[in-house]
Amino acid sequence: MSILITGGAGYIGSHLVKQLLEKNEDIIIVDNLSTGSMKTIDTLTKIGNFKFIEENLKNFTKIEEIFKNNNIDTIIHFAASIVVPESMENPLKYYMNNTVNTINLVNIANKYKIKKFIFSSTAAVYGEPVSVSESGISEEDETNPINPYGNSKLMSENIIKDTALANKYFKYVIFRYFNVAGADINYTNDELTPRIGQSFPNATHLIKIASECATKKRDKMSIFGNTYNTNDGTCIRDYIHVDDLANAHIKAIDYLDDNASEVFNVGYSKGSSVKKVISTMKKITQNNFKVNIQDKRAGDPANLISDNRKIINKMKWKPKYNDLELICKSAFIWEQKLKNL
């Protein structure tokens, strides 16, 4: 039986593929390479064997042919548009690429009686919580997205949940990601040497941008708003290393063998402000790059920290890389490698 991974040439998907290949799993990657990279696919082929199909999920007939021609029992669905500001400017792109494509994939999954569906959702479904406990946002808190990206993901969640209610053989795990960062934790002669990482050149993730500044790919970067109701006035996020997130998906595959469908936050239950992230990157790289203050961006909540007790207690997930300096260091080393390619 095969595991189908949509978006497997992308940032998070490739880290999952890497870990599954190390476990000798049978993998099919479907990716249209809009943000994924053939260089990433080439690197993954050095780790293990898999089938790669370059295709867009909107090509419904072509996607169904993949199911006809392969014995698939698990779908892990990463492929999506993920840039919050872009979703405010072009909402229809997000509803088409995220929600409509997910509907089609779930429809095909039901037609071919796929038993396990693992979905890449987001903390953006919570929007701007009115009140949050000391342990962070829990899965039971109200979902109230404040941007089309979050809305598109919440709609997809509900589609998956309703489908599972109607089809008892169809089970799911929905992961609500917090802020994913870092690069492949791989050591060569005791030196950190990432093989894959975040390669998309126009990424908007804070740690990616700070890495580009530290490697002098950028002259400067911006903080969008310093008057939020936080300790230093800048947004607070829960940054999780991409390898820990990938491992959660592997745990989910086994979890669904003996457990009911579930929604899990994936984060560290620990927040860092934008200013702290930037100062950490400057510290580990010894580069005091320039930072400007700009106006707040539409759709940015002030504080998003996960309550991760559910995934730890129910799935027995144990993060290994809960260290902001390590996250920044791995991202920086990867960015240096990209600069030299």
C-alpha atoms as a PDB file:
ATOM      1  CA  MET A   1       0.000   0.000   0.000  1.00  0.00           C
ATOM      2  CA  SER A   2       1.163   3.524  -0.818  1.00  0.00           C
ATOM      3  CA  ILE A   3       1.058   6.880   0.930  1.00  0.00           C
ATOM      4  CA  LEU A   4       0.031   9.734  -1.390  1.00  0.00           C
ATOM      5  CA  ILE A   5       1.541  13.085  -0.409  1.00  0.00           C
ATOM      6  CA  THR A   6       0.250  16.217  -2.112  1.00  0.00           C
ATOM      7  CA  GLY A   7       2.758  19.066  -2.021  1.00  0.00           C
ATOM      8  CA  GLY A   8       5.581  16.661  -1.247  1.00  0.00           C
ATOM      9  CA  ALA A   9       8.142  18.770  -3.108  1.00  0.00           C
ATOM     10  CA  GLY A  10       7.353  21.739  -0.884  1.00  0.00           C
ATOM     11  CA  TYR A  11       8.808  22.832   2.425  1.00  0.00           C
ATOM     12  CA  ILE A  12       6.890  20.792   5.005  1.00  0.00           C
ATOM     13  CA  GLY A  13       5.964  17.953   2.673  1.00  0.00           C
ATOM     14  CA  SER A  14       9.577  17.279   1.726  1.00  0.00           C
ATOM     15  CA  HIS A  15      10.583  16.927   5.379  1.00  0.00           C
ATOM     16  CA  LEU A  16       7.856  14.345   5.868  1.00  0.00           C
ATOM     17  CA  VAL A  17       8.953  12.516   2.709  1.00  0.00           C
ATOM     18  CA  LYS A  18      12.522  12.474   4.039  1.00  0.00           C
ATOM     19  CA  GLN A  19      11.421  10.828   7.292  1.00  0.00           C
ATOM     20  CA  LEU A  20       9.145   8.324   5.537  1.00  0.00           C
ATOM     21  CA  LEU A  21      11.926   7.345   3.141  1.00  0.00           C
ATOM     22  CA  GLU A  22      14.156   6.691   6.126  1.00  0.00           C
ATOM     23  CA  LYS A  23      11.442   4.250   7.259  1.00  0.00           C
ATOM     24  CA  ASN A  24      11.333   2.632   3.771  1.00  0.00           C
ATOM     25  CA  GLU A  25       7.689   3.536   3.158  1.00  0.00           C
ATOM     26  CA  ASP A  26       6.104   3.345  -0.313  1.00  0.00           C
ATOM     27  CA  ILE A  27       5.483   6.977  -1.325  1.00  0.00           C
ATOM     28  CA  ILE A  28       3.808   8.814  -4.199  1.00  0.00           C
ATOM     29  CA  ILE A  29       4.375  12.581  -4.398  1.00  0.00           C
ATOM     30  CA  VAL A  30       1.966  14.780  -6.349  1.00  0.00           C
ATOM     31  CA  ASP A  31       3.135  18.374  -6.765  1.00  0.00           C
ATOM     32  CA  ASN A  32       2.683  21.038  -9.431  1.00  0.00           C
ATOM     33  CA  LEU A  33       6.021  22.669  -8.456  1.00  0.00           C
ATOM     34  CA  SER A  34       4.428  26.103  -8.050  1.00  0.00           C
ATOM     35  CA  THR A  35       6.280  26.469  -4.760  1.00  0.00           C
ATOM     36  CA  GLY A  36       7.974  23.087  -4.591  1.00  0.00           C
ATOM     37  CA  SER A  37      11.329  22.437  -6.220  1.00  0.00           C
ATOM     38  CA  MET A  38      12.793  19.803  -8.526  1.00  0.00           C
ATOM     39  CA  LYS A  39      16.072  20.295  -6.661  1.00  0.00           C
ATOM     40  CA  THR A  40      14.261  19.102  -3.540  1.00  0.00           C
ATOM     41  CA  ILE A  41      12.954  16.065  -5.425  1.00  0.00           C
ATOM     42  CA  ASP A  42      16.492  15.322  -6.649  1.00  0.00           C
ATOM     43  CA  THR A  43      17.823  15.535  -3.076  1.00  0.00           C
ATOM     44  CA  LEU A  44      15.093  13.215  -1.787  1.00  0.00           C
ATOM     45  CA  THR A  45      15.997  10.607  -4.437  1.00  0.00           C
ATOM     46  CA  LYS A  46      19.387  10.331  -2.728  1.00  0.00           C
ATOM     47  CA  ILE A  47      17.630   9.304   0.498  1.00  0.00           C
ATOM     48  CA  GLY A  48      15.272   6.694  -0.976  1.00  0.00           C
ATOM     49  CA  ASN A  49      13.016   5.606  -3.829  1.00  0.00           C
ATOM     50  CA  PHE A  50       9.570   7.054  -4.489  1.00  0.00           C
ATOM     51  CA  LYS A  51       7.228   7.944  -7.347  1.00  0.00           C
ATOM     52  CA  PHE A  52       6.958  11.614  -8.333  1.00  0.00           C
ATOM     53  CA  ILE A  53       4.044  12.908 -10.434  1.00  0.00           C
ATOM     54  CA  GLU A  54       4.034  16.535 -11.545  1.00  0.00           C
ATOM     55  CA  GLU A  55       0.360  17.475 -11.587  1.00  0.00           C
ATOM     56  CA  ASN A  56      -2.053  20.145 -10.357  1.00  0.00           C
ATOM     57  CA  LEU A  57      -4.851  19.073  -8.030  1.00  0.00           C
ATOM     58  CA  LYS A  58      -7.330  21.104 -10.062  1.00  0.00           C
ATOM     59  CA  ASN A  59      -6.901  18.604 -12.907  1.00  0.00           C
ATOM     60  CA  PHE A  60      -9.469  16.264 -11.399  1.00  0.00           C
ATOM     61  CA  THR A  61      -9.357  13.613 -14.123  1.00  0.00           C
ATOM     62  CA  LYS A  62      -5.562  13.321 -13.957  1.00  0.00           C
ATOM     63  CA  ILE A  63      -5.652  13.067 -10.162  1.00  0.00           C
ATOM     64  CA  GLU A  64      -8.211  10.267 -10.306  1.00  0.00           C
ATOM     65  CA  GLU A  65      -5.989   8.361 -12.719  1.00  0.00           C
ATOM     66  CA  ILE A  66      -3.311   8.269 -10.006  1.00  0.00           C
ATOM     67  CA  PHE A  67      -5.750   6.458  -7.726  1.00  0.00           C
ATOM     68  CA  LYS A  68      -6.794   4.077 -10.498  1.00  0.00           C
ATOM     69  CA  ASN A  69      -3.179   3.124 -11.189  1.00  0.00           C
ATOM     70  CA  ASN A  70      -1.875   2.834  -7.627  1.00  0.00           C
ATOM     71  CA  ASN A  71      -2.825   1.008  -4.445  1.00  0.00           C
ATOM     72  CA  ILE A  72      -3.190   3.972  -2.073  1.00  0.00           C
ATOM     73  CA  ASP A  73      -4.480   3.698   1.493  1.00  0.00           C
ATOM     74  CA  THR A  74      -3.307   6.988   3.061  1.00  0.00           C
ATOM     75  CA  ILE A  75      -3.470  10.592   1.832  1.00  0.00           C
ATOM     76  CA  ILE A  76      -1.409  13.349   3.438  1.00  0.00           C
ATOM     77  CA  HIS A  77      -2.615  16.637   1.995  1.00  0.00           C
ATOM     78  CA  PHE A  78      -0.185  19.577   2.156  1.00  0.00           C
ATOM     79  CA  ALA A  79      -0.757  21.296  -1.187  1.00  0.00           C
ATOM     80  CA  ALA A  80      -2.237  24.769  -0.618  1.00  0.00           C
ATOM     81  CA  SER A  81      -1.726  28.504  -0.928  1.00  0.00           C
ATOM     82  CA  ILE A  82      -0.571  29.836   2.433  1.00  0.00           C
ATOM     83  CA  VAL A  83       0.275  33.565   2.303  1.00  0.00           C
ATOM     84  CA  VAL A  84      -2.113  35.546   4.532  1.00  0.00           C
ATOM     85  CA  PRO A  85      -1.645  39.004   2.895  1.00  0.00           C
ATOM     86  CA  GLU A  86      -2.101  37.485  -0.556  1.00  0.00           C
ATOM     87  CA  SER A  87      -5.315  35.828   0.605  1.00  0.00           C
ATOM     88  CA  MET A  88      -6.664  39.257   1.564  1.00  0.00           C
ATOM     89  CA  GLU A  89      -5.867  40.579  -1.913  1.00  0.00           C
ATOM     90  CA  ASN A  90      -6.936  37.507  -3.902  1.00  0.00           C
ATOM     91  CA  PRO A  91      -9.418  35.488  -1.836  1.00  0.00           C
ATOM     92  CA  LEU A  92     -10.826  33.493  -4.744  1.00  0.00           C
ATOM     93  CA  LYS A  93      -7.410  31.976  -5.406  1.00  0.00           C
ATOM     94  CA  TYR A  94      -7.438  30.601  -1.855  1.00  0.00           C
ATOM     95  CA  TYR A  95     -10.960  29.226  -1.984  1.00  0.00           C
ATOM     96  CA  MET A  96     -10.252  27.553  -5.315  1.00  0.00           C
ATOM     97  CA  ASN A  97      -6.768  26.240  -4.574  1.00  0.00           C
ATOM     98  CA  ASN A  98      -7.383  25.272  -0.950  1.00  0.00           C
ATOM     99  CA  THR A  99     -11.070  24.471  -0.492  1.00  0.00           C
ATOM    100  CA  VAL A 100     -12.249  23.357  -3.934  1.00  0.00           C
ATOM    101  CA  ASN A 101      -9.183  21.175  -4.514  1.00  0.00           C
ATOM    102  CA  THR A 102      -9.647  19.603  -1.080  1.00  0.00           C
ATOM    103  CA  ILE A 103     -13.286  18.811  -1.902  1.00  0.00           C
ATOM    104  CA  ASN A 104     -12.169  17.013  -5.045  1.00  0.00           C
ATOM    105  CA  LEU A 105      -9.444  15.097  -3.228  1.00  0.00           C
ATOM    106  CA  VAL A 106     -11.840  13.986  -0.492  1.00  0.00           C
ATOM    107  CA  ASN A 107     -14.377  12.978  -3.142  1.00  0.00           C
ATOM    108  CA  ILE A 108     -11.814  10.797  -4.900  1.00  0.00           C
ATOM    109  CA  ALA A 109     -10.677   9.405  -1.536  1.00  0.00           C
ATOM    110  CA  ASN A 110     -14.220   8.254  -0.859  1.00  0.00           C
ATOM    111  CA  LYS A 111     -14.628   6.775  -4.327  1.00  0.00           C
ATOM    112  CA  TYR A 112     -11.508   4.663  -3.810  1.00  0.00           C
ATOM    113  CA  LYS A 113     -12.282   3.958  -0.139  1.00  0.00           C
ATOM    114  CA  ILE A 114      -9.148   5.572   1.282  1.00  0.00           C
ATOM    115  CA  LYS A 115      -9.034   4.845   5.007  1.00  0.00           C
ATOM    116  CA  LYS A 116      -6.693   7.571   6.290  1.00  0.00           C
ATOM    117  CA  PHE A 117      -6.707  11.277   5.426  1.00  0.00           C
ATOM    118  CA  ILE A 118      -4.207  13.587   7.162  1.00  0.00           C
ATOM    119  CA  PHE A 119      -4.820  17.262   6.547  1.00  0.00           C
ATOM    120  CA  SER A 120      -2.540  20.266   6.841  1.00  0.00           C
ATOM    121  CA  SER A 121      -4.606  22.998   8.503  1.00  0.00           C
ATOM    122  CA  THR A 122      -3.504  26.094  10.398  1.00  0.00           C
ATOM    123  CA  ALA A 123      -3.761  28.076  13.618  1.00  0.00           C
ATOM    124  CA  ALA A 124      -5.251  30.819  11.423  1.00  0.00           C
ATOM    125  CA  VAL A 125      -8.623  29.088  11.887  1.00  0.00           C
ATOM    126  CA  TYR A 126      -8.704  30.537  15.427  1.00  0.00           C
ATOM    127  CA  GLY A 127      -8.476  34.099  14.191  1.00  0.00           C
ATOM    128  CA  GLU A 128      -7.916  36.614  17.000  1.00  0.00           C
ATOM    129  CA  PRO A 129      -9.009  34.797  20.184  1.00  0.00           C
ATOM    130  CA  VAL A 130     -10.836  37.004  22.683  1.00  0.00           C
ATOM    131  CA  SER A 131      -9.420  35.204  25.701  1.00  0.00           C
ATOM    132  CA  VAL A 132      -6.717  32.543  25.830  1.00  0.00           C
ATOM    133  CA  SER A 133      -5.713  30.434  28.819  1.00  0.00           C
ATOM    134  CA  GLU A 134      -2.138  30.441  30.116  1.00  0.00           C
ATOM    135  CA  SER A 135      -1.496  27.161  28.302  1.00  0.00           C
ATOM    136  CA  GLY A 136      -2.441  28.701  24.937  1.00  0.00           C
ATOM    137  CA  ILE A 137      -5.139  28.148  22.330  1.00  0.00           C
ATOM    138  CA  SER A 138      -6.781  24.734  22.608  1.00  0.00           C
ATOM    139  CA  GLU A 139      -8.600  22.709  19.977  1.00  0.00           C
ATOM    140  CA  GLU A 140     -11.831  23.414  21.850  1.00  0.00           C
ATOM    141  CA  ASP A 141     -11.510  27.185  21.481  1.00  0.00           C
ATOM    142  CA  GLU A 142     -13.779  28.972  19.038  1.00  0.00           C
ATOM    143  CA  THR A 143     -12.732  29.032  15.394  1.00  0.00           C
ATOM    144  CA  ASN A 144     -13.209  32.484  13.897  1.00  0.00           C
ATOM    145  CA  PRO A 145     -10.769  33.168  11.028  1.00  0.00           C
ATOM    146  CA  ILE A 146     -10.012  36.782  10.189  1.00  0.00           C
ATOM    147  CA  ASN A 147      -8.607  36.216   6.695  1.00  0.00           C
ATOM    148  CA  PRO A 148      -9.537  34.159   3.605  1.00  0.00           C
ATOM    149  CA  TYR A 149      -6.578  31.820   4.141  1.00  0.00           C
ATOM    150  CA  GLY A 150      -7.937  30.773   7.547  1.00  0.00           C
ATOM    151  CA  ASN A 151     -11.467  30.591   6.159  1.00  0.00           C
ATOM    152  CA  SER A 152     -10.375  28.352   3.285  1.00  0.00           C
ATOM    153  CA  LYS A 153      -8.714  25.946   5.699  1.00  0.00           C
ATOM    154  CA  LEU A 154     -11.644  25.893   8.146  1.00  0.00           C
ATOM    155  CA  MET A 155     -14.047  25.146   5.288  1.00  0.00           C
ATOM    156  CA  SER A 156     -11.782  22.252   4.293  1.00  0.00           C
ATOM    157  CA  GLU A 157     -11.740  20.969   7.874  1.00  0.00           C
ATOM    158  CA  ASN A 158     -15.546  20.908   7.951  1.00  0.00           C
ATOM    159  CA  ILE A 159     -15.708  19.102   4.620  1.00  0.00           C
ATOM    160  CA  ILE A 160     -13.384  16.403   5.948  1.00  0.00           C
ATOM    161  CA  LYS A 161     -15.312  16.080   9.228  1.00  0.00           C
ATOM    162  CA  ASP A 162     -18.704  15.830   7.527  1.00  0.00           C
ATOM    163  CA  THR A 163     -17.375  13.240   5.101  1.00  0.00           C
ATOM    164  CA  ALA A 164     -16.110  11.106   7.986  1.00  0.00           C
ATOM    165  CA  LEU A 165     -19.543  11.275   9.643  1.00  0.00           C
ATOM    166  CA  ALA A 166     -21.128   9.958   6.453  1.00  0.00           C
ATOM    167  CA  ASN A 167     -18.485   7.280   5.738  1.00  0.00           C
ATOM    168  CA  LYS A 168     -17.377   5.182   8.695  1.00  0.00           C
ATOM    169  CA  TYR A 169     -14.341   3.707   6.938  1.00  0.00           C
ATOM    170  CA  PHE A 170     -12.917   7.218   6.271  1.00  0.00           C
ATOM    171  CA  LYS A 171     -10.837   8.528   9.180  1.00  0.00           C
ATOM    172  CA  TYR A 172      -8.837  11.719   9.483  1.00  0.00           C
ATOM    173  CA  VAL A 173      -6.301  13.640  11.501  1.00  0.00           C
ATOM    174  CA  ILE A 174      -6.427  17.409  11.076  1.00  0.00           C
ATOM    175  CA  PHE A 175      -3.293  19.259  12.190  1.00  0.00           C
ATOM    176  CA  ARG A 176      -3.549  22.944  13.020  1.00  0.00           C
ATOM    177  CA  TYR A 177      -0.001  24.166  12.480  1.00  0.00           C
ATOM    178  CA  PHE A 178       1.463  27.069  14.314  1.00  0.00           C
ATOM    179  CA  ASN A 179       4.556  28.805  12.813  1.00  0.00           C
ATOM    180  CA  VAL A 180       6.758  26.284  11.051  1.00  0.00           C
ATOM    181  CA  ALA A 181      10.442  27.115  10.626  1.00  0.00           C
ATOM    182  CA  GLY A 182      13.948  25.680  10.409  1.00  0.00           C
ATOM    183  CA  ALA A 183      15.548  23.143   8.099  1.00  0.00           C
ATOM    184  CA  ASP A 184      16.527  19.457   8.010  1.00  0.00           C
ATOM    185  CA  ILE A 185      18.393  18.421  11.149  1.00  0.00           C
ATOM    186  CA  ASN A 186      21.233  16.438   9.622  1.00  0.00           C
ATOM    187  CA  TYR A 187      24.765  16.195  10.952  1.00  0.00           C
ATOM    188  CA  THR A 188      27.952  15.519   8.996  1.00  0.00           C
ATOM    189  CA  ASN A 189      31.074  15.079  11.118  1.00  0.00           C
ATOM    190  CA  ASP A 190      29.193  16.697  14.026  1.00  0.00           C
ATOM    191  CA  GLU A 191      28.345  19.753  11.923  1.00  0.00           C
ATOM    192  CA  LEU A 192      24.757  20.735  11.168  1.00  0.00           C
ATOM    193  CA  THR A 193      24.330  20.276   7.404  1.00  0.00           C
ATOM    194  CA  PRO A 194      20.697  20.557   6.248  1.00  0.00           C
ATOM    195  CA  ARG A 195      19.899  18.744   3.002  1.00  0.00           C
ATOM    196  CA  ILE A 196      16.478  20.333   2.470  1.00  0.00           C
ATOM    197  CA  GLY A 197      14.752  23.440   3.757  1.00  0.00           C
ATOM    198  CA  GLN A 198      12.531  26.328   2.768  1.00  0.00           C
ATOM    199  CA  SER A 199      13.500  27.033  -0.843  1.00  0.00           C
ATOM    200  CA  PHE A 200      10.673  29.183  -2.203  1.00  0.00           C
ATOM    201  CA  PRO A 201      12.354  32.544  -2.974  1.00  0.00           C
ATOM    202  CA  ASN A 202       9.455  34.880  -2.118  1.00  0.00           C
ATOM    203  CA  ALA A 203       8.490  33.322   1.203  1.00  0.00           C
ATOM    204  CA  THR A 204       6.950  35.622   3.802  1.00  0.00           C
ATOM    205  CA  HIS A 205       7.914  33.613   6.906  1.00  0.00           C
ATOM    206  CA  LEU A 206       9.766  35.685   9.483  1.00  0.00           C
ATOM    207  CA  ILE A 207      12.660  33.294  10.132  1.00  0.00           C
ATOM    208  CA  LYS A 208      13.182  32.751   6.400  1.00  0.00           C
ATOM    209  CA  ILE A 209      13.360  36.510   5.816  1.00  0.00           C
ATOM    210  CA  ALA A 210      15.705  37.015   8.768  1.00  0.00           C
ATOM    211  CA  SER A 211      17.942  34.257   7.361  1.00  0.00           C
ATOM    212  CA  GLU A 212      18.044  36.011   4.008  1.00  0.00           C
ATOM    213  CA  CYS A 213      19.119  39.216   5.762  1.00  0.00           C
ATOM    214  CA  ALA A 214      21.789  37.385   7.748  1.00  0.00           C
ATOM    215  CA  THR A 215      23.213  35.897   4.535  1.00  0.00           C
ATOM    216  CA  LYS A 216      23.052  39.347   2.873  1.00  0.00           C
ATOM    217  CA  LYS A 217      20.518  38.276   0.269  1.00  0.00           C
ATOM    218  CA  ARG A 218      18.395  41.142   1.570  1.00  0.00           C
ATOM    219  CA  ASP A 219      19.594  44.565   2.679  1.00  0.00           C
ATOM    220  CA  LYS A 220      16.934  44.885   5.368  1.00  0.00           C
ATOM    221  CA  MET A 221      13.656  43.550   6.689  1.00  0.00           C
ATOM    222  CA  SER A 222      10.536  44.984   8.303  1.00  0.00           C
ATOM    223  CA  ILE A 223       8.566  44.527  11.488  1.00  0.00           C
ATOM    224  CA  PHE A 224       4.893  45.015  10.654  1.00  0.00           C
ATOM    225  CA  GLY A 225       3.517  46.762  13.698  1.00  0.00           C
ATOM    226  CA  ASN A 226       5.093  47.438  17.094  1.00  0.00           C
ATOM    227  CA  THR A 227       1.973  48.569  18.964  1.00  0.00           C
ATOM    228  CA  TYR A 228       0.281  45.221  19.552  1.00  0.00           C
ATOM    229  CA  ASN A 229      -0.877  44.353  23.062  1.00  0.00           C
ATOM    230  CA  THR A 230       2.210  42.230  23.786  1.00  0.00           C
ATOM    231  CA  ASN A 231       5.291  42.640  25.972  1.00  0.00           C
ATOM    232  CA  ASP A 232       7.394  44.353  23.298  1.00  0.00           C
ATOM    233  CA  GLY A 233       4.603  45.518  20.992  1.00  0.00           C
ATOM    234  CA  THR A 234       5.303  42.958  18.249  1.00  0.00           C
ATOM    235  CA  CYS A 235       3.325  39.853  17.313  1.00  0.00           C
ATOM    236  CA  ILE A 236       3.959  36.648  19.257  1.00  0.00           C
ATOM    237  CA  ARG A 237       3.993  33.284  17.520  1.00  0.00           C
ATOM    238  CA  ASP A 238       4.643  29.664  18.462  1.00  0.00           C
ATOM    239  CA  TYR A 239       7.565  28.562  16.252  1.00  0.00           C
ATOM    240  CA  ILE A 240       7.860  24.811  15.650  1.00  0.00           C
ATOM    241  CA  HIS A 241      10.741  23.092  13.899  1.00  0.00           C
ATOM    242  CA  VAL A 242       9.700  21.529  10.604  1.00  0.00           C
ATOM    243  CA  ASP A 243      11.187  18.121  11.514  1.00  0.00           C
ATOM    244  CA  ASP A 244       9.060  17.953  14.665  1.00  0.00           C
ATOM    245  CA  LEU A 245       5.992  18.796  12.601  1.00  0.00           C
ATOM    246  CA  ALA A 246       6.856  16.129  10.024  1.00  0.00           C
ATOM    247  CA  ASN A 247       7.213  13.567  12.792  1.00  0.00           C
ATOM    248  CA  ALA A 248       3.689  14.362  13.995  1.00  0.00           C
ATOM    249  CA  HIS A 249       2.364  13.241  10.600  1.00  0.00           C
ATOM    250  CA  ILE A 250       4.166   9.915  10.896  1.00  0.00           C
ATOM    251  CA  LYS A 251       2.648   9.457  14.341  1.00  0.00           C
ATOM    252  CA  ALA A 252      -0.768  10.232  12.841  1.00  0.00           C
ATOM    253  CA  ILE A 253      -0.546   7.386  10.330  1.00  0.00           C
ATOM    254  CA  ASP A 254      -0.143   4.861  13.127  1.00  0.00           C
ATOM    255  CA  TYR A 255      -2.602   6.684  15.394  1.00  0.00           C
ATOM    256  CA  LEU A 256      -5.456   6.157  12.941  1.00  0.00           C
ATOM    257  CA  ASP A 257      -4.990   2.373  13.039  1.00  0.00           C
ATOM    258  CA  ASP A 258      -6.605   2.117  16.470  1.00  0.00           C
ATOM    259  CA  ASN A 259      -8.101   5.522  17.217  1.00  0.00           C
ATOM    260  CA  ALA A 260     -10.956   7.724  16.061  1.00  0.00           C
ATOM    261  CA  SER A 261     -10.567  10.795  13.888  1.00  0.00           C
ATOM    262  CA  GLU A 262      -9.211  13.858  15.671  1.00  0.00           C
ATOM    263  CA  VAL A 263      -8.047  17.476  15.426  1.00  0.00           C
ATOM    264  CA  PHE A 264      -4.683  18.389  16.942  1.00  0.00           C
ATOM    265  CA  ASN A 265      -2.740  21.598  17.449  1.00  0.00           C
ATOM    266  CA  VAL A 266       0.939  21.197  16.578  1.00  0.00           C
ATOM    267  CA  GLY A 267       3.207  23.647  18.360  1.00  0.00           C
ATOM    268  CA  TYR A 268       5.417  23.971  21.415  1.00  0.00           C
ATOM    269  CA  SER A 269       3.068  25.940  23.704  1.00  0.00           C
ATOM    270  CA  LYS A 270       5.767  28.598  23.801  1.00  0.00           C
ATOM    271  CA  GLY A 271       5.674  31.958  22.076  1.00  0.00           C
ATOM    272  CA  SER A 272       8.392  34.252  20.769  1.00  0.00           C
ATOM    273  CA  SER A 273       7.888  37.831  19.632  1.00  0.00           C
ATOM    274  CA  VAL A 274       8.996  39.129  16.248  1.00  0.00           C
ATOM    275  CA  LYS A 275      11.662  41.204  17.980  1.00  0.00           C
ATOM    276  CA  LYS A 276      12.953  38.148  19.868  1.00  0.00           C
ATOM    277  CA  VAL A 277      13.238  36.084  16.693  1.00  0.00           C
ATOM    278  CA  ILE A 278      15.172  38.844  14.950  1.00  0.00           C
ATOM    279  CA  SER A 279      17.505  39.357  17.905  1.00  0.00           C
ATOM    280  CA  THR A 280      18.104  35.579  18.086  1.00  0.00           C
ATOM    281  CA  MET A 281      19.025  35.456  14.386  1.00  0.00           C
ATOM    282  CA  LYS A 282      21.366  38.420  14.815  1.00  0.00           C
ATOM    283  CA  LYS A 283      22.990  36.720  17.812  1.00  0.00           C
ATOM    284  CA  ILE A 284      23.698  33.347  16.198  1.00  0.00           C
ATOM    285  CA  THR A 285      24.898  34.885  12.912  1.00  0.00           C
ATOM    286  CA  GLN A 286      26.764  37.865  14.367  1.00  0.00           C
ATOM    287  CA  ASN A 287      25.083  40.034  11.745  1.00  0.00           C
ATOM    288  CA  ASN A 288      23.343  43.208  12.894  1.00  0.00           C
ATOM    289  CA  PHE A 289      21.216  43.593   9.770  1.00  0.00           C
ATOM    290  CA  LYS A 290      18.873  46.536   9.342  1.00  0.00           C
ATOM    291  CA  VAL A 291      15.255  46.316  10.529  1.00  0.00           C
ATOM    292  CA  ASN A 292      12.514  48.860   9.756  1.00  0.00           C
ATOM    293  CA  ILE A 293       9.181  49.370  11.498  1.00  0.00           C
ATOM    294  CA  GLN A 294       6.138  49.498   9.221  1.00  0.00           C
ATOM    295  CA  ASP A 295       2.371  49.597   9.657  1.00  0.00           C
ATOM    296  CA  LYS A 296       0.441  46.533  10.767  1.00  0.00           C
ATOM    297  CA  ARG A 297      -0.674  44.124   8.070  1.00  0.00           C
ATOM    298  CA  ALA A 298      -4.340  43.325   7.622  1.00  0.00           C
ATOM    299  CA  GLY A 299      -5.293  39.931   9.042  1.00  0.00           C
ATOM    300  CA  ASP A 300      -2.406  39.514  11.516  1.00  0.00           C
ATOM    301  CA  PRO A 301      -3.468  38.411  15.039  1.00  0.00           C
ATOM    302  CA  ALA A 302      -1.346  39.716  17.934  1.00  0.00           C
ATOM    303  CA  ASN A 303      -0.790  36.432  19.751  1.00  0.00           C
ATOM    304  CA  LEU A 304      -0.959  32.808  18.579  1.00  0.00           C
ATOM    305  CA  ILE A 305       0.403  30.174  20.971  1.00  0.00           C
ATOM    306  CA  SER A 306      -0.719  26.554  20.948  1.00  0.00           C
ATOM    307  CA  ASP A 307      -1.986  24.426  23.773  1.00  0.00           C
ATOM    308  CA  ASN A 308      -0.285  21.175  22.723  1.00  0.00           C
ATOM    309  CA  ARG A 309      -1.383  18.936  25.594  1.00  0.00           C
ATOM    310  CA  LYS A 310      -3.843  17.005  23.443  1.00  0.00           C
ATOM    311  CA  ILE A 311      -1.318  15.809  20.843  1.00  0.00           C
ATOM    312  CA  ILE A 312       1.235  15.002  23.545  1.00  0.00           C
ATOM    313  CA  ASN A 313      -1.242  13.047  25.681  1.00  0.00           C
ATOM    314  CA  LYS A 314      -3.325  11.300  23.015  1.00  0.00           C
ATOM    315  CA  MET A 315      -0.795  10.762  20.228  1.00  0.00           C
ATOM    316  CA  LYS A 316       2.298  10.540  22.466  1.00  0.00           C
ATOM    317  CA  TRP A 317       4.090  13.017  20.213  1.00  0.00           C
ATOM    318  CA  LYS A 318       7.439  14.093  21.642  1.00  0.00           C
ATOM    319  CA  PRO A 319       9.081  17.131  20.007  1.00  0.00           C
ATOM    320  CA  LYS A 320      12.873  17.017  19.795  1.00  0.00           C
ATOM    321  CA  TYR A 321      13.856  20.468  18.560  1.00  0.00           C
ATOM    322  CA  ASN A 322      12.056  22.921  20.836  1.00  0.00           C
ATOM    323  CA  ASP A 323      14.868  25.475  20.716  1.00  0.00           C
ATOM    324  CA  LEU A 324      14.565  28.858  18.964  1.00  0.00           C
ATOM    325  CA  GLU A 325      18.324  29.133  18.493  1.00  0.00           C
ATOM    326  CA  LEU A 326      18.495  25.715  16.805  1.00  0.00           C
ATOM    327  CA  ILE A 327      15.533  26.610  14.591  1.00  0.00           C
ATOM    328  CA  CYS A 328      17.212  29.854  13.537  1.00  0.00           C
ATOM    329  CA  LYS A 329      20.610  28.205  13.110  1.00  0.00           C
ATOM    330  CA  SER A 330      19.291  25.448  10.846  1.00  0.00           C
ATOM    331  CA  ALA A 331      17.366  28.012   8.766  1.00  0.00           C
ATOM    332  CA  PHE A 332      20.462  30.212   8.461  1.00  0.00           C
ATOM    333  CA  ILE A 333      22.791  27.365   7.426  1.00  0.00           C
ATOM    334  CA  TRP A 334      20.257  26.236   4.845  1.00  0.00           C
ATOM    335  CA  GLU A 335      19.991  29.788   3.507  1.00  0.00           C
ATOM    336  CA  GLN A 336      23.785  29.920   3.170  1.00  0.00           C
ATOM    337  CA  LYS A 337      23.651  26.694   1.195  1.00  0.00           C
ATOM    338  CA  LEU A 338      20.962  28.097  -1.120  1.00  0.00           C
ATOM    339  CA  LYS A 339      23.068  31.204  -1.685  1.00  0.00           C
ATOM    340  CA  ASN A 340      25.966  29.054  -2.909  1.00  0.00           C
ATOM    341  CA  LEU A 341      23.952  26.826  -5.223  1.00  0.00           C
END
